[in-house]
Amino acid sequence: MTVPAYPINVFWSDEDGAWIADVPDLAYCSAIGDTPHEAVAEVEVATEAWLEAARANGRVIPPASGRVIHA
C-alpha cells in the first residue's frame, strides 16, 4: 500500500528540551527526538501507526495537503 507523503513540521522545544516533529494533516500525530533526524524517523513510525489505527477503526484518512513546510 502506498502511503501519502504528509508534510512534517520539525522544531526545537525549549519546554521539552528536544526536537519535535509533527504531521499537521493527522491530528495529534507527533514525535520527539534528540536530533531533528531522530524526531522525523520517530514521526514516520507514528504516522504508520496513526494510519493503521484509522483503517482498523474505519476512520476517514485525510489526504496529504501537499504543503511545503520549512522548519
C-alpha atoms as a PDB file:
ATOM      1  CA  MET A   1       0.000   0.000   0.000  1.00  0.00           C
ATOM      2  CA  THR A   2       1.313   3.447  -0.889  1.00  0.00           C
ATOM      3  CA  VAL A   3       1.453   5.906   1.983  1.00  0.00           C
ATOM      4  CA  PRO A   4       0.804   9.553   1.137  1.00  0.00           C
ATOM      5  CA  ALA A   5       3.733  11.881   1.710  1.00  0.00           C
ATOM      6  CA  TYR A   6       2.414  14.004   4.553  1.00  0.00           C
ATOM      7  CA  PRO A   7       4.284  17.234   5.336  1.00  0.00           C
ATOM      8  CA  ILE A   8       6.211  17.208   8.601  1.00  0.00           C
ATOM      9  CA  ASN A   9       6.967  20.206  10.829  1.00  0.00           C
ATOM     10  CA  VAL A  10      10.203  19.986  12.798  1.00  0.00           C
ATOM     11  CA  PHE A  11      11.063  22.429  15.558  1.00  0.00           C
ATOM     12  CA  TRP A  12      13.033  22.765  18.783  1.00  0.00           C
ATOM     13  CA  SER A  13      11.021  22.798  22.006  1.00  0.00           C
ATOM     14  CA  ASP A  14      12.672  24.554  24.941  1.00  0.00           C
ATOM     15  CA  GLU A  15       9.924  23.184  27.180  1.00  0.00           C
ATOM     16  CA  ASP A  16      10.729  19.575  26.238  1.00  0.00           C
ATOM     17  CA  GLY A  17      14.448  20.107  25.659  1.00  0.00           C
ATOM     18  CA  ALA A  18      14.170  18.148  22.427  1.00  0.00           C
ATOM     19  CA  TRP A  19      13.231  18.277  18.764  1.00  0.00           C
ATOM     20  CA  ILE A  20       9.559  17.799  17.915  1.00  0.00           C
ATOM     21  CA  ALA A  21       8.207  16.518  14.612  1.00  0.00           C
ATOM     22  CA  ASP A  22       4.509  16.665  13.883  1.00  0.00           C
ATOM     23  CA  VAL A  23       2.229  15.861  10.974  1.00  0.00           C
ATOM     24  CA  PRO A  24      -0.317  18.699  10.760  1.00  0.00           C
ATOM     25  CA  ASP A  25      -2.635  16.719   8.470  1.00  0.00           C
ATOM     26  CA  LEU A  26      -3.048  13.972  11.105  1.00  0.00           C
ATOM     27  CA  ALA A  27      -4.484  15.129  14.414  1.00  0.00           C
ATOM     28  CA  TYR A  28      -2.170  14.552  17.382  1.00  0.00           C
ATOM     29  CA  CYS A  29       0.452  12.744  15.284  1.00  0.00           C
ATOM     30  CA  SER A  30       3.816  13.839  16.650  1.00  0.00           C
ATOM     31  CA  ALA A  31       7.104  12.514  17.999  1.00  0.00           C
ATOM     32  CA  ILE A  32      10.153  13.694  19.882  1.00  0.00           C
ATOM     33  CA  GLY A  33      13.876  13.170  19.319  1.00  0.00           C
ATOM     34  CA  ASP A  34      17.328  14.269  20.423  1.00  0.00           C
ATOM     35  CA  THR A  35      18.068  15.413  16.852  1.00  0.00           C
ATOM     36  CA  PRO A  36      15.852  16.632  14.014  1.00  0.00           C
ATOM     37  CA  HIS A  37      16.556  13.420  12.086  1.00  0.00           C
ATOM     38  CA  GLU A  38      15.586  11.261  15.069  1.00  0.00           C
ATOM     39  CA  ALA A  39      12.340  13.191  15.524  1.00  0.00           C
ATOM     40  CA  VAL A  40      11.471  12.720  11.836  1.00  0.00           C
ATOM     41  CA  ALA A  41      12.273   8.995  11.971  1.00  0.00           C
ATOM     42  CA  GLU A  42      10.044   8.639  15.036  1.00  0.00           C
ATOM     43  CA  VAL A  43       7.169  10.588  13.494  1.00  0.00           C
ATOM     44  CA  GLU A  44       7.341   8.390  10.397  1.00  0.00           C
ATOM     45  CA  VAL A  45       6.720   5.402  12.698  1.00  0.00           C
ATOM     46  CA  ALA A  46       3.929   7.331  14.435  1.00  0.00           C
ATOM     47  CA  THR A  47       2.371   8.163  11.052  1.00  0.00           C
ATOM     48  CA  GLU A  48       2.237   4.488  10.099  1.00  0.00           C
ATOM     49  CA  ALA A  49       0.631   3.660  13.462  1.00  0.00           C
ATOM     50  CA  TRP A  50      -1.862   6.538  13.093  1.00  0.00           C
ATOM     51  CA  LEU A  51      -2.893   5.334   9.619  1.00  0.00           C
ATOM     52  CA  GLU A  52      -3.120   1.697  10.715  1.00  0.00           C
ATOM     53  CA  ALA A  53      -5.350   2.627  13.662  1.00  0.00           C
ATOM     54  CA  ALA A  54      -7.549   4.809  11.450  1.00  0.00           C
ATOM     55  CA  ARG A  55      -8.002   1.993   8.935  1.00  0.00           C
ATOM     56  CA  ALA A  56      -8.754  -0.541  11.678  1.00  0.00           C
ATOM     57  CA  ASN A  57     -11.434   1.738  13.141  1.00  0.00           C
ATOM     58  CA  GLY A  58     -12.970   2.821   9.837  1.00  0.00           C
ATOM     59  CA  ARG A  59     -11.894   6.450  10.290  1.00  0.00           C
ATOM     60  CA  VAL A  60     -11.502   8.753   7.329  1.00  0.00           C
ATOM     61  CA  ILE A  61      -7.859   9.209   6.380  1.00  0.00           C
ATOM     62  CA  PRO A  62      -7.210  12.777   5.280  1.00  0.00           C
ATOM     63  CA  PRO A  63      -5.311  13.345   2.059  1.00  0.00           C
ATOM     64  CA  ALA A  64      -1.851  14.843   2.276  1.00  0.00           C
ATOM     65  CA  SER A  65      -2.129  18.594   1.973  1.00  0.00           C
ATOM     66  CA  GLY A  66       0.836  18.920  -0.314  1.00  0.00           C
ATOM     67  CA  ARG A  67       2.036  21.992   1.540  1.00  0.00           C
ATOM     68  CA  VAL A  68       5.741  22.580   1.771  1.00  0.00           C
ATOM     69  CA  ILE A  69       6.644  23.327   5.377  1.00  0.00           C
ATOM     70  CA  HIS A  70      10.084  24.537   6.368  1.00  0.00           C
ATOM     71  CA  ALA A  71      11.361  24.305   9.924  1.00  0.00           C
END
